[in-house]
């Protein structure tokens, strides 16, 4: 069903162009939207018109037109004036409204299909059958993006993104499977690559930020070649959004293929994580290290275990850094200058971040 706001915008536009007054009623004659300054009661006239065989009729100094959704009568359009100009304007307006109904019905059907596709609610034979019915290519390259932001419940992020992407001429289906996230299923050209997807993702984040939305994050899955694989790209995007919050909090665009070891840690059960941390650090929590030690650790990892570069960036003598690493080795039995120990320590820190995130999420 087309929204009343769309109907009102449509007849307002036609009124501004033609200077003819319009009123759209339901089949019982109740006004749905109107541009008429003087309120008139059309209920009885509409009901008589609805039960007649005519698709158009003139009465009460107005022209009446039936507007169908396929074979079902949906609205009655009333055009003020009984002259030929009012009749022609009314015929064009009725055609425009009927075309809108068809377009929005197709959008609704596509939206419903995509939601069920993303959530794996369709059999393979249903996917292909409904895709053909909705004139959607089966073997087209696509990618799924998931957008999250801190917005009021009244904000319509779906419509904002839909309008923004439509202006660029792209073929996207924008929908929402829950109240927190907006999902974009984007069609791609045959020669498109991940860089093009990332560019589009950044432009969407920039647009939403300019629109006043805060904390915008967008994650996307891998590019898939068939419509049946769209749900996989969606699951990857959802995982990327969650993993990104834990390990890539500074990034606002998170590609699934850049998650690295984070996506493996994200799938570990919490009891196994606790056991691992207990084995590595004993009863100690790595977050209890002093600020100086934590800064040294993170900077050392940033510089790929390079002692000279790390000491230079920390503005300390090389021997001071070596002393700190020796001190850390005594307390943890892990020497960060040894590659295997460094990997173990890095993974342990990531596991701690993951545990903290999951515990706060449950809380």
Protein backbone atom coordinates (compact mmCIF):
# COMPACT_ATOMS: atom_id res chain seq x y z
CA UNK A 1 0.00 0.00 0.00
CA UNK A 2 1.28 3.42 -0.97
CA UNK A 3 1.72 5.82 1.97
CA UNK A 4 -0.57 8.81 2.48
CA UNK A 5 2.49 11.06 2.49
CA UNK A 6 3.43 9.92 -1.02
CA UNK A 7 -0.16 10.44 -2.17
CA UNK A 8 -0.26 13.94 -0.68
CA UNK A 9 3.08 14.88 -2.24
CA UNK A 10 1.85 13.62 -5.62
CA UNK A 11 -1.41 15.59 -5.70
CA UNK A 12 0.34 18.66 -4.27
CA UNK A 13 2.75 18.52 -7.20
CA UNK A 14 -0.05 18.09 -9.74
CA UNK A 15 -1.98 20.94 -8.11
CA UNK A 16 1.06 23.23 -8.34
CA UNK A 17 1.41 22.46 -12.07
CA UNK A 18 -2.25 22.47 -13.17
CA UNK A 19 -3.88 24.74 -10.51
CA UNK A 20 -6.65 22.14 -10.29
CA UNK A 21 -7.89 20.91 -6.90
CA UNK A 22 -7.74 17.18 -6.10
CA UNK A 23 -9.15 14.87 -3.46
CA UNK A 24 -8.37 11.15 -3.07
CA UNK A 25 -10.87 9.05 -1.09
CA UNK A 26 -11.11 5.41 -0.10
CA UNK A 27 -13.90 3.24 -1.53
CA UNK A 28 -16.24 4.34 1.28
CA UNK A 29 -15.84 7.99 0.35
CA UNK A 30 -13.63 9.03 3.26
CA UNK A 31 -11.00 11.58 2.21
CA UNK A 32 -7.45 10.18 2.35
CA UNK A 33 -5.57 13.22 1.04
CA UNK A 34 -6.73 16.47 -0.52
CA UNK A 35 -5.65 19.85 -1.90
CA UNK A 36 -9.15 21.31 -1.67
CA UNK A 37 -9.29 24.33 0.60
CA UNK A 38 -13.04 23.93 1.12
CA UNK A 39 -13.95 20.64 2.78
CA UNK A 40 -16.75 18.80 1.01
CA UNK A 41 -18.61 15.63 1.89
CA UNK A 42 -18.26 13.23 -1.03
CA UNK A 43 -19.17 10.01 0.81
CA UNK A 44 -22.60 9.40 -0.73
CA UNK A 45 -21.48 10.42 -4.23
CA UNK A 46 -18.38 8.19 -4.04
CA UNK A 47 -20.35 5.19 -2.80
CA UNK A 48 -22.83 5.56 -5.70
CA UNK A 49 -19.92 5.90 -8.13
CA UNK A 50 -18.13 2.85 -6.70
CA UNK A 51 -21.18 0.68 -7.25
CA UNK A 52 -21.62 1.91 -10.82
CA UNK A 53 -20.02 0.27 -13.84
CA UNK A 54 -18.38 3.51 -14.96
CA UNK A 55 -14.65 4.21 -14.51
CA UNK A 56 -15.24 7.94 -14.76
CA UNK A 57 -18.20 10.14 -13.92
CA UNK A 58 -19.15 13.79 -13.56
CA UNK A 59 -21.25 15.02 -10.63
CA UNK A 60 -21.28 17.83 -8.07
CA UNK A 61 -19.26 20.02 -10.45
CA UNK A 62 -16.42 17.49 -10.20
CA UNK A 63 -14.97 14.60 -12.19
CA UNK A 64 -14.72 11.22 -10.43
CA UNK A 65 -12.19 8.56 -11.50
CA UNK A 66 -11.58 5.03 -10.24
CA UNK A 67 -7.98 4.07 -9.39
CA UNK A 68 -7.23 0.34 -9.40
CA UNK A 69 -4.51 -1.79 -7.88
CA UNK A 70 -4.47 -4.56 -10.50
CA UNK A 71 -8.19 -5.52 -10.58
CA UNK A 72 -8.97 -4.22 -7.09
CA UNK A 73 -10.51 -0.76 -6.71
CA UNK A 74 -8.23 1.10 -4.30
CA UNK A 75 -9.06 4.81 -4.48
CA UNK A 76 -11.43 7.31 -6.03
CA UNK A 77 -9.86 10.47 -7.44
CA UNK A 78 -12.03 13.59 -7.42
CA UNK A 79 -11.04 16.55 -9.59
CA UNK A 80 -12.69 19.91 -9.03
CA UNK A 81 -14.29 21.43 -12.15
CA UNK A 82 -16.64 20.14 -14.81
CA UNK A 83 -14.89 21.47 -17.93
CA UNK A 84 -12.85 19.51 -20.45
CA UNK A 85 -9.56 20.70 -18.98
CA UNK A 86 -10.46 19.28 -15.56
CA UNK A 87 -11.41 15.99 -17.22
CA UNK A 88 -8.08 15.68 -19.06
CA UNK A 89 -6.10 16.63 -15.96
CA UNK A 90 -8.09 14.07 -13.97
CA UNK A 91 -7.42 11.29 -16.48
CA UNK A 92 -3.68 11.99 -16.34
CA UNK A 93 -3.73 12.22 -12.53
CA UNK A 94 -5.63 8.92 -12.23
CA UNK A 95 -3.07 7.28 -14.55
CA UNK A 96 -0.23 8.69 -12.44
CA UNK A 97 -1.74 7.35 -9.21
CA UNK A 98 -2.32 3.94 -10.77
CA UNK A 99 1.31 3.85 -11.96
CA UNK A 100 2.45 4.74 -8.43
CA UNK A 101 0.42 1.88 -7.00
CA UNK A 102 2.06 -0.56 -9.40
CA UNK A 103 5.55 0.77 -8.63
CA UNK A 104 5.07 0.65 -4.86
CA UNK A 105 3.48 -2.79 -4.99
CA UNK A 106 6.51 -4.06 -6.91
CA UNK A 107 8.80 -2.37 -4.38
CA UNK A 108 6.87 -3.98 -1.51
CA UNK A 109 7.04 -7.41 -3.16
CA UNK A 110 10.78 -7.02 -3.76
CA UNK A 111 11.30 -5.80 -0.21
CA UNK A 112 9.42 -8.78 1.21
CA UNK A 113 11.33 -11.19 -1.05
CA UNK A 114 14.70 -9.73 -0.06
CA UNK A 115 13.90 -9.91 3.67
CA UNK A 116 13.01 -13.60 3.40
CA UNK A 117 16.07 -14.21 1.22
CA UNK A 118 18.40 -12.59 3.75
CA UNK A 119 16.91 -14.58 6.63
CA UNK A 120 17.07 -17.93 4.75
CA UNK A 121 13.29 -18.32 4.83
CA UNK A 122 13.01 -19.52 1.21
CA UNK A 123 13.60 -22.81 -0.55
CA UNK A 124 15.95 -22.72 -3.52
CA UNK A 125 13.10 -23.32 -6.00
CA UNK A 126 11.16 -20.42 -4.43
CA UNK A 127 14.16 -18.10 -4.70
CA UNK A 128 14.50 -18.65 -8.44
CA UNK A 129 10.74 -18.57 -9.07
CA UNK A 130 10.09 -15.33 -7.18
CA UNK A 131 13.22 -13.66 -8.58
CA UNK A 132 12.02 -14.28 -12.14
CA UNK A 133 8.52 -13.05 -11.30
CA UNK A 134 10.00 -9.82 -9.89
CA UNK A 135 12.27 -9.42 -12.96
CA UNK A 136 15.44 -9.79 -10.88
CA UNK A 137 18.52 -11.31 -12.54
CA UNK A 138 19.55 -14.59 -10.94
CA UNK A 139 23.24 -14.58 -11.93
CA UNK A 140 23.96 -10.89 -11.25
CA UNK A 141 26.89 -9.84 -9.04
CA UNK A 142 25.67 -8.43 -5.72
CA UNK A 143 26.97 -7.43 -2.31
CA UNK A 144 25.14 -6.83 0.97
CA UNK A 145 25.84 -3.85 3.23
CA UNK A 146 24.56 -3.36 6.78
CA UNK A 147 24.32 0.17 8.19
CA UNK A 148 24.04 1.03 11.88
CA UNK A 149 23.82 4.48 13.49
CA UNK A 150 22.61 6.22 16.62
CA UNK A 151 19.31 7.67 15.41
CA UNK A 152 15.89 8.39 16.82
CA UNK A 153 13.25 5.75 16.19
CA UNK A 154 11.33 8.31 14.13
CA UNK A 155 14.23 8.78 11.69
CA UNK A 156 13.67 6.97 8.39
CA UNK A 157 17.17 5.85 7.47
CA UNK A 158 15.82 3.43 4.86
CA UNK A 159 14.19 6.23 2.86
CA UNK A 160 17.20 8.52 3.26
CA UNK A 161 19.60 5.91 1.89
CA UNK A 162 17.13 4.88 -0.83
CA UNK A 163 16.82 8.47 -2.08
CA UNK A 164 20.59 9.02 -1.91
CA UNK A 165 21.38 5.90 -3.94
CA UNK A 166 18.56 6.55 -6.42
CA UNK A 167 20.12 9.93 -7.22
CA UNK A 168 23.27 8.09 -8.29
CA UNK A 169 21.35 5.86 -10.68
CA UNK A 170 22.39 2.62 -8.99
CA UNK A 171 20.31 -0.55 -8.64
CA UNK A 172 19.94 -1.22 -4.94
CA UNK A 173 17.25 -2.63 -2.72
CA UNK A 174 17.21 -0.91 0.67
CA UNK A 175 15.28 -2.49 3.52
CA UNK A 176 15.36 -3.19 7.25
CA UNK A 177 15.18 -6.61 8.88
CA UNK A 178 15.16 -5.15 12.41
CA UNK A 179 14.81 -1.75 14.08
CA UNK A 180 18.56 -1.18 14.47
CA UNK A 181 20.03 -1.91 11.06
CA UNK A 182 19.43 -0.89 7.46
CA UNK A 183 20.34 -3.43 4.80
CA UNK A 184 21.42 -2.59 1.25
CA UNK A 185 21.53 -5.26 -1.45
CA UNK A 186 23.57 -3.64 -4.20
CA UNK A 187 23.77 -4.87 -7.77
CA UNK A 188 27.21 -4.58 -9.36
CA UNK A 189 28.55 -4.39 -12.86
CA UNK A 190 30.34 -7.51 -14.11
CA UNK A 191 33.74 -5.79 -13.85
CA UNK A 192 33.11 -4.25 -10.40
CA UNK A 193 35.53 -5.05 -7.58
CA UNK A 194 35.74 -4.61 -3.83
CA UNK A 195 37.30 -1.13 -4.18
CA UNK A 196 34.16 0.14 -5.90
CA UNK A 197 32.03 -1.32 -3.11
CA UNK A 198 34.21 0.34 -0.48
CA UNK A 199 33.94 3.68 -2.29
CA UNK A 200 30.14 3.44 -2.27
CA UNK A 201 30.21 2.47 1.40
CA UNK A 202 32.25 5.55 2.32
CA UNK A 203 29.90 7.82 0.36
CA UNK A 204 26.88 6.41 2.24
CA UNK A 205 28.56 6.96 5.62
CA UNK A 206 29.54 10.49 4.62
CA UNK A 207 25.99 11.25 3.48
CA UNK A 208 24.36 9.97 6.68
CA UNK A 209 26.88 11.87 8.81
CA UNK A 210 26.06 15.10 6.95
CA UNK A 211 22.37 14.36 7.59
CA UNK A 212 23.10 14.55 11.30
CA UNK A 213 23.34 10.85 12.17
CA UNK A 214 26.02 9.94 14.70
CA UNK A 215 28.15 6.85 15.11
CA UNK A 216 27.46 5.60 11.59
CA UNK A 217 29.09 2.25 10.83
CA UNK A 218 28.75 0.28 7.62
CA UNK A 219 29.91 -3.29 7.09
CA UNK A 220 29.71 -5.34 3.91
CA UNK A 221 30.19 -8.97 2.95
CA UNK A 222 31.94 -10.53 -0.03
CA UNK A 223 30.69 -10.10 -3.60
CA UNK A 224 28.47 -13.02 -4.67
CA UNK A 225 27.59 -14.12 -8.18
CA UNK A 226 24.11 -15.61 -7.72
CA UNK A 227 20.98 -14.43 -5.97
CA UNK A 228 20.86 -17.57 -3.81
CA UNK A 229 24.19 -16.49 -2.23
CA UNK A 230 22.91 -13.08 -1.09
CA UNK A 231 22.10 -14.45 2.38
CA UNK A 232 25.77 -15.48 2.80
CA UNK A 233 26.95 -11.96 2.00
CA UNK A 234 24.40 -10.66 4.53
CA UNK A 235 25.65 -12.98 7.29
CA UNK A 236 29.22 -11.89 6.54
CA UNK A 237 28.22 -8.22 6.76
CA UNK A 238 26.47 -8.79 10.11
CA UNK A 239 29.54 -10.55 11.46
CA UNK A 240 31.79 -7.78 10.14
CA UNK A 241 29.67 -5.18 11.94
CA UNK A 242 29.99 -7.00 15.28
CA UNK A 243 33.66 -7.90 14.87
CA UNK A 244 34.41 -4.35 13.78
CA UNK A 245 32.94 -2.95 17.00
CA UNK A 246 35.36 -5.10 18.98
CA UNK A 247 38.62 -4.98 17.04
CA UNK A 248 38.22 -2.14 14.51
CA UNK A 249 36.35 0.44 16.57
CA UNK A 250 38.17 3.34 14.89
CA UNK A 251 36.84 2.39 11.42
CA UNK A 252 33.41 3.40 10.11
CA UNK A 253 33.55 1.12 7.03
CA UNK A 254 34.32 -2.54 7.75
CA UNK A 255 34.81 -5.04 4.88
CA UNK A 256 34.36 -8.70 5.83
CA UNK A 257 37.56 -9.66 4.01
CA UNK A 258 39.64 -7.43 6.32
CA UNK A 259 38.53 -8.94 9.63
CA UNK A 260 41.54 -11.25 9.83
CA UNK A 261 41.89 -13.33 12.95
CA UNK A 262 39.16 -11.31 14.63
CA UNK A 263 36.43 -13.27 12.87
CA UNK A 264 37.87 -16.55 14.20
CA UNK A 265 38.00 -15.25 17.78
CA UNK A 266 34.43 -13.97 17.45
CA UNK A 267 33.21 -17.53 16.91
CA UNK A 268 34.90 -18.95 20.02
CA UNK A 269 32.69 -19.94 22.98
CA UNK A 270 33.30 -17.80 26.09
CA UNK A 271 34.23 -20.74 28.39
CA UNK A 272 37.04 -21.68 25.99
CA UNK A 273 38.22 -18.06 25.94
CA UNK A 274 38.35 -17.89 29.75
CA UNK A 275 40.31 -21.13 29.86
CA UNK A 276 42.81 -19.77 27.31
CA UNK A 277 43.31 -16.50 29.23
CA UNK A 278 43.76 -18.43 32.48
CA UNK A 279 46.47 -20.56 30.85
CA UNK A 280 48.31 -17.55 29.42
CA UNK A 281 48.05 -15.02 32.24
CA UNK A 282 47.19 -17.14 35.24
CA UNK A 283 44.76 -15.26 37.44
CA UNK A 284 45.83 -11.89 36.11
CA UNK A 285 43.78 -9.73 33.73
CA UNK A 286 45.89 -8.11 30.98
CA UNK A 287 43.82 -4.95 31.45
CA UNK A 288 45.43 -4.63 34.89
CA UNK A 289 48.80 -3.79 33.30
CA UNK A 290 49.77 -0.17 33.92
CA UNK A 291 49.23 2.42 31.17
CA UNK A 292 52.93 2.57 30.34
CA UNK A 293 53.14 -1.19 29.76
CA UNK A 294 49.97 -1.29 27.64
CA UNK A 295 51.16 1.63 25.49
CA UNK A 296 54.51 -0.10 24.99
CA UNK A 297 52.82 -3.37 23.98
CA UNK A 298 50.44 -1.79 21.45
CA UNK A 299 53.16 0.38 19.92
CA UNK A 300 55.50 -2.62 19.65
CA UNK A 301 52.84 -4.55 17.75
CA UNK A 302 52.06 -1.55 15.53
CA UNK A 303 55.70 -1.48 14.47
CA UNK A 304 55.87 -5.21 13.68
CA UNK A 305 58.11 -6.02 16.68
CA UNK A 306 60.74 -3.51 15.59
CA UNK A 307 62.59 -2.39 18.75
CA UNK A 308 64.37 0.61 17.19
CA UNK A 309 61.24 2.09 15.56
CA UNK A 310 59.13 1.51 18.66
CA UNK A 311 61.62 3.22 20.97
CA UNK A 312 61.86 6.14 18.54
CA UNK A 313 58.08 6.62 18.44
CA UNK A 314 57.80 6.32 22.22
CA UNK A 315 60.68 8.84 22.64
CA UNK A 316 62.57 6.47 24.91
CA UNK A 317 66.03 4.91 24.76
CA UNK A 318 66.31 1.48 23.17
CA UNK A 319 67.57 0.01 26.46
CA UNK A 320 64.50 1.38 28.26
CA UNK A 321 62.24 -0.48 25.83
CA UNK A 322 64.29 -3.65 26.26
CA UNK A 323 63.95 -3.29 30.04
CA UNK A 324 60.16 -2.99 29.75
CA UNK A 325 59.97 -6.06 27.51
CA UNK A 326 62.15 -8.05 29.92
CA UNK A 327 59.91 -6.99 32.80
CA UNK A 328 56.82 -8.10 30.88
CA UNK A 329 58.47 -11.43 30.07
CA UNK A 330 59.08 -12.11 33.77
CA UNK A 331 55.43 -11.52 34.66
CA UNK A 332 53.90 -13.45 31.74
CA UNK A 333 56.61 -15.87 30.56
CA UNK A 334 56.11 -14.42 27.06
CA UNK A 335 58.90 -12.64 25.22
CA UNK A 336 57.32 -10.28 22.68
CA UNK A 337 60.56 -10.21 20.69
CA UNK A 338 59.97 -13.90 19.86
CA UNK A 339 57.46 -14.22 17.02
CA UNK A 340 55.54 -17.18 18.49
CA UNK A 341 55.21 -15.50 21.89
CA UNK A 342 54.16 -12.24 20.25
CA UNK A 343 51.38 -14.01 18.34
CA UNK A 344 50.16 -15.70 21.52
CA UNK A 345 50.14 -12.40 23.40
CA UNK A 346 48.37 -10.55 20.58
CA UNK A 347 45.67 -13.20 20.33
CA UNK A 348 45.25 -13.17 24.10
CA UNK A 349 44.69 -9.40 24.09
CA UNK A 350 42.10 -9.78 21.32
CA UNK A 351 40.35 -12.56 23.24
CA UNK A 352 40.16 -10.30 26.28
CA UNK A 353 38.58 -7.53 24.14
CA UNK A 354 36.09 -10.04 22.75
CA UNK A 355 35.18 -11.34 26.22
CA UNK A 356 34.66 -7.82 27.55
CA UNK A 357 32.42 -6.92 24.60
CA UNK A 358 30.28 -10.06 24.96
CA UNK A 359 29.92 -9.64 28.71
CA UNK A 360 28.88 -5.98 28.33
CA UNK A 361 26.48 -6.96 25.56
CA UNK A 362 24.82 -9.62 27.74
CA UNK A 363 24.70 -7.22 30.66
